Amino acid sequence: MVLPGKNRVDAVNLMVHVLNSIIMLIDLTIVGHPIKLNHAYWTTGIGVGYALFSIVYYLAGGTDRHNDSSIYKMLDWTKPGKSIVICALGIFAVFLMHFLCYCLYCLRVWLYARVCVQANTSKTSSNEKITSITRTLSSMEEAQRENFLNPTAVVDLK
């Protein structure tokens, strides 16, 4: 560690970072939320927003609990060249993670089409099965969107 007094590896630090990431990866694998590539602007926008926040934080004279002017040593805006590179790499990494989540989603849909679709549909090709499943997911998403703000909507769970 660079600063062992400040950045200890303890149970709380592991729970907040490692265990949370593992649980979210399991959740992403199991839950049936569709992931779209054209929604990457949300995740990338969060990265851009955080980069802008760190600049404003520095310019406003913000300090952390140890009176350091940077939130993280890697984002020390007294060295703007390094900070810009770190922000650009971070934003690219966030986009890359979104793409990997999309690939995991495609794998999940493919596995469902291969394993869970009943044998009586064996006459259809696997591409037709995946297309059918994707249409089903899209129609479920549309129904959720229509009923989201309607307090009188009754959802039939049969």
Protein backbone atom coordinates (compact mmCIF):
# COMPACT_ATOMS: atom_id res chain seq x y z
CA MET A 1 0.00 0.00 0.00
CA VAL A 2 1.11 3.52 -0.70
CA LEU A 3 -0.40 5.00 2.44
CA PRO A 4 -0.92 2.11 4.88
CA GLY A 5 -2.26 4.35 7.64
CA LYS A 6 -5.00 5.80 5.44
CA ASN A 7 -5.87 2.90 3.13
CA ARG A 8 -6.09 -0.20 5.27
CA VAL A 9 -7.44 -3.46 3.95
CA ASP A 10 -9.93 -4.42 6.63
CA ALA A 11 -13.29 -6.18 6.79
CA VAL A 12 -15.31 -3.02 6.20
CA ASN A 13 -13.25 -2.04 3.15
CA LEU A 14 -13.61 -5.54 1.70
CA MET A 15 -17.37 -5.60 2.36
CA VAL A 16 -17.91 -2.21 0.73
CA HIS A 17 -15.86 -2.87 -2.40
CA VAL A 18 -15.28 -6.58 -3.06
CA LEU A 19 -18.39 -8.23 -1.64
CA ASN A 20 -20.67 -5.57 -3.10
CA SER A 21 -19.15 -6.12 -6.56
CA ILE A 22 -19.55 -9.90 -6.31
CA ILE A 23 -23.18 -9.63 -5.22
CA MET A 24 -23.96 -7.20 -8.05
CA LEU A 25 -22.33 -9.54 -10.59
CA ILE A 26 -24.43 -12.46 -9.31
CA ASP A 27 -27.54 -10.27 -9.43
CA LEU A 28 -26.74 -9.19 -12.98
CA THR A 29 -26.34 -12.82 -14.01
CA ILE A 30 -29.61 -14.02 -12.47
CA VAL A 31 -32.08 -11.15 -12.86
CA GLY A 32 -33.86 -10.86 -16.20
CA HIS A 33 -33.38 -7.14 -16.85
CA PRO A 34 -32.58 -6.48 -20.48
CA ILE A 35 -29.37 -4.54 -21.07
CA LYS A 36 -29.16 -2.40 -24.18
CA LEU A 37 -26.02 -1.06 -25.79
CA ASN A 38 -27.75 2.21 -26.59
CA HIS A 39 -28.13 2.84 -22.84
CA ALA A 40 -24.36 3.18 -22.43
CA TYR A 41 -24.77 6.96 -22.37
CA TRP A 42 -26.18 6.61 -18.84
CA THR A 43 -23.17 4.79 -17.43
CA THR A 44 -20.72 6.92 -19.40
CA GLY A 45 -22.59 10.05 -18.31
CA ILE A 46 -22.12 9.09 -14.67
CA GLY A 47 -18.37 8.86 -15.26
CA VAL A 48 -18.33 12.25 -16.97
CA GLY A 49 -20.44 13.70 -14.15
CA TYR A 50 -18.02 12.41 -11.52
CA ALA A 51 -15.03 13.81 -13.43
CA LEU A 52 -16.73 17.22 -13.60
CA PHE A 53 -17.62 16.99 -9.91
CA SER A 54 -13.99 16.30 -8.99
CA ILE A 55 -12.90 19.39 -10.96
CA VAL A 56 -15.51 21.60 -9.27
CA TYR A 57 -14.59 20.09 -5.89
CA TYR A 58 -10.94 21.02 -6.44
CA LEU A 59 -11.72 24.52 -7.76
CA ALA A 60 -14.07 25.21 -4.85
CA GLY A 61 -11.30 24.37 -2.37
CA GLY A 62 -12.81 21.14 -1.09
CA THR A 63 -10.77 18.91 1.17
CA ASP A 64 -11.12 15.40 2.49
CA ARG A 65 -10.98 14.36 6.14
CA HIS A 66 -7.17 14.60 6.07
CA ASN A 67 -7.23 18.12 4.54
CA ASP A 68 -6.00 16.89 1.16
CA SER A 69 -7.29 18.90 -1.79
CA SER A 70 -7.94 15.81 -3.91
CA ILE A 71 -10.61 13.19 -3.38
CA TYR A 72 -8.25 10.48 -4.63
CA LYS A 73 -4.51 10.88 -5.15
CA MET A 74 -4.93 9.78 -8.78
CA LEU A 75 -7.33 12.72 -9.35
CA ASP A 76 -5.06 15.45 -8.04
CA TRP A 77 -6.03 18.43 -10.20
CA THR A 78 -2.82 20.26 -9.29
CA LYS A 79 -1.41 17.90 -11.96
CA PRO A 80 -4.11 18.33 -14.63
CA GLY A 81 -2.43 16.26 -17.36
CA LYS A 82 -2.39 13.13 -15.24
CA SER A 83 -5.93 13.77 -13.97
CA ILE A 84 -7.32 14.21 -17.49
CA VAL A 85 -5.74 10.92 -18.58
CA ILE A 86 -7.13 9.14 -15.50
CA CYS A 87 -10.61 10.57 -16.14
CA ALA A 88 -10.53 9.56 -19.81
CA LEU A 89 -9.37 6.04 -18.92
CA GLY A 90 -12.03 5.80 -16.21
CA ILE A 91 -14.81 6.88 -18.57
CA PHE A 92 -13.58 4.37 -21.17
CA ALA A 93 -13.47 1.65 -18.48
CA VAL A 94 -17.07 2.41 -17.51
CA PHE A 95 -18.13 2.11 -21.16
CA LEU A 96 -16.18 -1.14 -21.44
CA MET A 97 -17.92 -2.51 -18.32
CA HIS A 98 -21.29 -1.64 -19.84
CA PHE A 99 -20.32 -3.53 -22.99
CA LEU A 100 -19.23 -6.55 -20.92
CA CYS A 101 -22.56 -6.46 -19.06
CA TYR A 102 -24.30 -6.43 -22.44
CA CYS A 103 -22.26 -9.47 -23.50
CA LEU A 104 -23.26 -11.21 -20.26
CA TYR A 105 -26.89 -10.38 -21.04
CA CYS A 106 -26.54 -11.86 -24.55
CA LEU A 107 -24.98 -14.99 -23.07
CA ARG A 108 -27.85 -15.26 -20.59
CA VAL A 109 -30.46 -14.98 -23.37
CA TRP A 110 -28.57 -17.50 -25.50
CA LEU A 111 -28.34 -19.97 -22.60
CA TYR A 112 -32.03 -19.55 -21.91
CA ALA A 113 -32.84 -20.25 -25.56
CA ARG A 114 -30.58 -23.30 -25.56
CA VAL A 115 -31.48 -24.83 -22.21
CA CYS A 116 -34.87 -23.63 -21.04
CA VAL A 117 -36.91 -23.46 -24.21
CA GLN A 118 -39.04 -26.58 -24.39
CA ALA A 119 -38.34 -29.49 -26.71
CA ASN A 120 -41.53 -28.94 -28.71
CA THR A 121 -39.96 -25.88 -30.28
CA SER A 122 -37.01 -27.89 -31.57
CA LYS A 123 -38.27 -27.43 -35.14
CA THR A 124 -37.37 -23.75 -35.04
CA SER A 125 -33.81 -22.57 -35.37
CA SER A 126 -31.91 -21.17 -32.41
CA ASN A 127 -31.90 -17.71 -34.05
CA GLU A 128 -35.71 -17.78 -34.21
CA LYS A 129 -35.84 -18.83 -30.53
CA ILE A 130 -33.57 -15.98 -29.49
CA THR A 131 -35.59 -13.52 -31.59
CA SER A 132 -38.79 -14.76 -29.95
CA ILE A 133 -37.31 -14.44 -26.46
CA THR A 134 -36.03 -10.94 -27.21
CA ARG A 135 -39.48 -9.92 -28.47
CA THR A 136 -41.01 -11.31 -25.25
CA LEU A 137 -38.53 -9.33 -23.15
CA SER A 138 -39.27 -6.17 -25.17
CA SER A 139 -43.04 -6.58 -24.76
CA MET A 140 -42.59 -7.10 -21.01
CA GLU A 141 -40.52 -3.93 -20.87
CA GLU A 142 -43.19 -1.98 -22.76
CA ALA A 143 -45.91 -3.26 -20.43
CA GLN A 144 -43.85 -2.22 -17.40
CA ARG A 145 -43.33 1.23 -18.90
CA GLU A 146 -47.07 1.65 -19.59
CA ASN A 147 -48.10 0.59 -16.09
CA PHE A 148 -45.30 2.33 -14.20
CA LEU A 149 -47.11 5.57 -13.47
CA ASN A 150 -50.65 4.19 -13.56
CA PRO A 151 -51.77 3.66 -9.93
CA THR A 152 -54.94 1.86 -11.00
CA ALA A 153 -53.11 -0.75 -13.07
CA VAL A 154 -53.61 -4.33 -11.98
CA VAL A 155 -50.86 -6.73 -12.89
CA ASP A 156 -51.87 -10.32 -13.58
CA LEU A 157 -49.13 -12.65 -12.37
CA LYS A 158 -50.52 -15.83 -13.94
